[in-house]
Amino acid sequence: MSVPTRTELETELIRLWSEKLNVTSVGADDDFFALGGDSLLAADLLMDLYEQFGVELDAAVLFLRPTIAELVDEVLAA
């Protein structure tokens, strides 16, 4: 599975977050939990990342790095 570019990944994460959190505006520096995310949505999002990109991240990652900009770094490093 090919790893997307940073811009493609940010775009996809913005789409996923908007869908999961039912919000229309998401920026790269917005906090997942401040936008209404919780542990169940975080687990669901991490499963989507695995299914779409083949990247398996520990659940703690989203709690420690809760913005799209930070999460992109984790995905690209995985």
N, C-alpha and C. Protein backbone atom coordinates (compact mmCIF):
# COMPACT_ATOMS: atom_id res chain seq x y z
N MET A 1 0.85 -1.17 0.00
CA MET A 1 0.00 0.00 0.00
C MET A 1 0.90 1.23 0.00
N SER A 2 0.64 2.18 -0.86
CA SER A 2 1.48 3.37 -0.92
C SER A 2 1.07 4.38 0.14
N VAL A 3 2.06 5.09 0.64
CA VAL A 3 1.82 6.11 1.65
C VAL A 3 1.47 7.41 0.93
N PRO A 4 0.39 8.06 1.31
CA PRO A 4 0.00 9.30 0.64
C PRO A 4 0.94 10.44 1.00
N THR A 5 0.91 11.49 0.20
CA THR A 5 1.69 12.68 0.54
C THR A 5 1.07 13.35 1.75
N ARG A 6 1.83 14.24 2.35
CA ARG A 6 1.34 14.97 3.53
C ARG A 6 0.02 15.68 3.21
N THR A 7 -0.04 16.34 2.07
CA THR A 7 -1.25 17.08 1.70
C THR A 7 -2.43 16.14 1.48
N GLU A 8 -2.21 15.02 0.80
CA GLU A 8 -3.28 14.04 0.59
C GLU A 8 -3.77 13.49 1.92
N LEU A 9 -2.84 13.20 2.80
CA LEU A 9 -3.20 12.65 4.11
C LEU A 9 -3.97 13.68 4.94
N GLU A 10 -3.51 14.92 4.95
CA GLU A 10 -4.24 15.97 5.67
C GLU A 10 -5.66 16.12 5.12
N THR A 11 -5.79 16.11 3.82
CA THR A 11 -7.11 16.23 3.19
C THR A 11 -8.01 15.08 3.60
N GLU A 12 -7.48 13.87 3.60
CA GLU A 12 -8.28 12.70 3.98
C GLU A 12 -8.64 12.74 5.46
N LEU A 13 -7.71 13.15 6.31
CA LEU A 13 -8.03 13.25 7.74
C LEU A 13 -9.08 14.32 8.00
N ILE A 14 -9.00 15.43 7.31
CA ILE A 14 -10.02 16.47 7.45
C ILE A 14 -11.38 15.91 7.06
N ARG A 15 -11.43 15.15 5.99
CA ARG A 15 -12.69 14.53 5.56
C ARG A 15 -13.21 13.56 6.62
N LEU A 16 -12.31 12.70 7.12
CA LEU A 16 -12.71 11.72 8.13
C LEU A 16 -13.20 12.39 9.41
N TRP A 17 -12.45 13.38 9.87
CA TRP A 17 -12.84 14.07 11.10
C TRP A 17 -14.19 14.76 10.91
N SER A 18 -14.39 15.43 9.79
CA SER A 18 -15.66 16.11 9.53
C SER A 18 -16.81 15.12 9.57
N GLU A 19 -16.59 13.96 8.96
CA GLU A 19 -17.62 12.92 8.91
C GLU A 19 -17.88 12.35 10.30
N LYS A 20 -16.83 11.96 11.01
CA LYS A 20 -16.99 11.31 12.32
C LYS A 20 -17.55 12.26 13.38
N LEU A 21 -17.08 13.53 13.32
CA LEU A 21 -17.47 14.49 14.35
C LEU A 21 -18.69 15.31 13.96
N ASN A 22 -19.17 15.11 12.73
CA ASN A 22 -20.34 15.84 12.23
C ASN A 22 -20.14 17.35 12.34
N VAL A 23 -18.97 17.79 11.86
CA VAL A 23 -18.67 19.22 11.81
C VAL A 23 -18.30 19.58 10.37
N THR A 24 -18.54 20.82 9.99
CA THR A 24 -18.28 21.21 8.60
C THR A 24 -16.91 21.84 8.41
N SER A 25 -16.33 22.39 9.47
CA SER A 25 -15.05 23.08 9.33
C SER A 25 -14.03 22.47 10.28
N VAL A 26 -12.98 21.88 9.70
CA VAL A 26 -11.90 21.29 10.48
C VAL A 26 -10.58 21.80 9.91
N GLY A 27 -9.72 22.27 10.80
CA GLY A 27 -8.39 22.73 10.38
C GLY A 27 -7.32 21.80 10.89
N ALA A 28 -6.13 21.91 10.34
CA ALA A 28 -5.03 21.02 10.69
C ALA A 28 -4.60 21.16 12.15
N ASP A 29 -4.89 22.30 12.77
CA ASP A 29 -4.48 22.51 14.16
C ASP A 29 -5.63 22.38 15.16
N ASP A 30 -6.80 21.96 14.69
CA ASP A 30 -7.94 21.75 15.59
C ASP A 30 -7.72 20.48 16.40
N ASP A 31 -8.16 20.53 17.65
CA ASP A 31 -8.03 19.40 18.57
C ASP A 31 -9.23 18.46 18.40
N PHE A 32 -8.94 17.18 18.17
CA PHE A 32 -9.98 16.17 17.96
C PHE A 32 -11.01 16.19 19.09
N PHE A 33 -10.54 16.27 20.32
CA PHE A 33 -11.44 16.18 21.47
C PHE A 33 -12.19 17.50 21.71
N ALA A 34 -11.57 18.62 21.39
CA ALA A 34 -12.26 19.92 21.50
C ALA A 34 -13.39 20.03 20.49
N LEU A 35 -13.28 19.29 19.39
CA LEU A 35 -14.33 19.29 18.37
C LEU A 35 -15.45 18.30 18.68
N GLY A 36 -15.34 17.61 19.82
CA GLY A 36 -16.39 16.68 20.21
C GLY A 36 -16.01 15.22 20.15
N GLY A 37 -14.76 14.93 19.82
CA GLY A 37 -14.31 13.54 19.76
C GLY A 37 -14.25 12.92 21.14
N ASP A 38 -14.37 11.61 21.18
CA ASP A 38 -14.24 10.86 22.43
C ASP A 38 -13.46 9.58 22.14
N SER A 39 -13.29 8.75 23.15
CA SER A 39 -12.47 7.55 22.98
C SER A 39 -13.04 6.58 21.95
N LEU A 40 -14.35 6.47 21.86
CA LEU A 40 -14.95 5.57 20.88
C LEU A 40 -14.74 6.07 19.45
N LEU A 41 -14.92 7.37 19.26
CA LEU A 41 -14.68 7.94 17.93
C LEU A 41 -13.19 7.87 17.57
N ALA A 42 -12.33 8.02 18.56
CA ALA A 42 -10.89 7.91 18.32
C ALA A 42 -10.53 6.51 17.84
N ALA A 43 -11.09 5.50 18.50
CA ALA A 43 -10.83 4.11 18.08
C ALA A 43 -11.35 3.86 16.67
N ASP A 44 -12.51 4.39 16.37
CA ASP A 44 -13.10 4.25 15.04
C ASP A 44 -12.23 4.93 13.98
N LEU A 45 -11.72 6.11 14.30
CA LEU A 45 -10.85 6.84 13.38
C LEU A 45 -9.55 6.08 13.13
N LEU A 46 -8.96 5.54 14.19
CA LEU A 46 -7.72 4.78 14.03
C LEU A 46 -7.95 3.52 13.19
N MET A 47 -9.11 2.91 13.31
CA MET A 47 -9.45 1.76 12.47
C MET A 47 -9.56 2.18 11.01
N ASP A 48 -10.16 3.32 10.76
CA ASP A 48 -10.24 3.84 9.39
C ASP A 48 -8.85 4.09 8.81
N LEU A 49 -7.95 4.64 9.60
CA LEU A 49 -6.58 4.87 9.14
C LEU A 49 -5.91 3.55 8.77
N TYR A 50 -6.15 2.54 9.57
CA TYR A 50 -5.58 1.22 9.28
C TYR A 50 -6.16 0.66 7.98
N GLU A 51 -7.47 0.74 7.85
CA GLU A 51 -8.12 0.18 6.66
C GLU A 51 -7.74 0.93 5.38
N GLN A 52 -7.60 2.23 5.45
CA GLN A 52 -7.31 3.02 4.25
C GLN A 52 -5.83 3.08 3.90
N PHE A 53 -4.97 3.13 4.93
CA PHE A 53 -3.55 3.35 4.67
C PHE A 53 -2.65 2.23 5.17
N GLY A 54 -3.21 1.23 5.85
CA GLY A 54 -2.41 0.13 6.37
C GLY A 54 -1.49 0.55 7.50
N VAL A 55 -1.85 1.63 8.18
CA VAL A 55 -1.03 2.15 9.28
C VAL A 55 -1.72 1.84 10.60
N GLU A 56 -1.01 1.15 11.47
CA GLU A 56 -1.57 0.80 12.77
C GLU A 56 -0.92 1.67 13.83
N LEU A 57 -1.73 2.50 14.47
CA LEU A 57 -1.24 3.39 15.51
C LEU A 57 -1.85 3.00 16.84
N ASP A 58 -1.08 3.16 17.89
CA ASP A 58 -1.55 2.91 19.25
C ASP A 58 -2.64 3.93 19.58
N ALA A 59 -3.62 3.51 20.33
CA ALA A 59 -4.74 4.39 20.67
C ALA A 59 -4.29 5.64 21.42
N ALA A 60 -3.21 5.54 22.17
CA ALA A 60 -2.72 6.69 22.93
C ALA A 60 -2.23 7.82 22.03
N VAL A 61 -1.88 7.50 20.80
CA VAL A 61 -1.34 8.52 19.89
C VAL A 61 -2.31 9.69 19.72
N LEU A 62 -3.56 9.40 19.52
CA LEU A 62 -4.54 10.47 19.30
C LEU A 62 -4.75 11.30 20.56
N PHE A 63 -4.57 10.70 21.72
CA PHE A 63 -4.70 11.46 22.97
C PHE A 63 -3.48 12.35 23.19
N LEU A 64 -2.31 11.88 22.77
CA LEU A 64 -1.08 12.64 22.94
C LEU A 64 -0.85 13.65 21.83
N ARG A 65 -1.36 13.36 20.66
CA ARG A 65 -1.16 14.23 19.48
C ARG A 65 -2.51 14.41 18.79
N PRO A 66 -3.39 15.22 19.38
CA PRO A 66 -4.80 15.26 18.94
C PRO A 66 -5.14 16.17 17.77
N THR A 67 -4.14 16.69 17.06
CA THR A 67 -4.45 17.52 15.90
C THR A 67 -4.11 16.77 14.62
N ILE A 68 -4.70 17.20 13.53
CA ILE A 68 -4.40 16.57 12.24
C ILE A 68 -2.93 16.75 11.89
N ALA A 69 -2.39 17.93 12.12
CA ALA A 69 -0.98 18.18 11.81
C ALA A 69 -0.08 17.20 12.56
N GLU A 70 -0.37 16.95 13.83
CA GLU A 70 0.43 16.02 14.63
C GLU A 70 0.19 14.58 14.20
N LEU A 71 -1.05 14.25 13.90
CA LEU A 71 -1.38 12.88 13.51
C LEU A 71 -0.76 12.52 12.17
N VAL A 72 -0.70 13.47 11.26
CA VAL A 72 -0.04 13.24 9.97
C VAL A 72 1.41 12.84 10.19
N ASP A 73 2.10 13.54 11.10
CA ASP A 73 3.49 13.19 11.41
C ASP A 73 3.60 11.74 11.88
N GLU A 74 2.67 11.32 12.73
CA GLU A 74 2.68 9.94 13.25
C GLU A 74 2.44 8.93 12.14
N VAL A 75 1.49 9.20 11.27
CA VAL A 75 1.18 8.28 10.17
C VAL A 75 2.37 8.17 9.23
N LEU A 76 2.97 9.28 8.88
CA LEU A 76 4.10 9.26 7.96
C LEU A 76 5.33 8.58 8.57
N ALA A 77 5.44 8.62 9.90
CA ALA A 77 6.58 7.99 10.57
C ALA A 77 6.35 6.50 10.81
N ALA A 78 5.10 6.05 10.70
CA ALA A 78 4.77 4.64 11.00
C ALA A 78 5.22 3.72 9.89
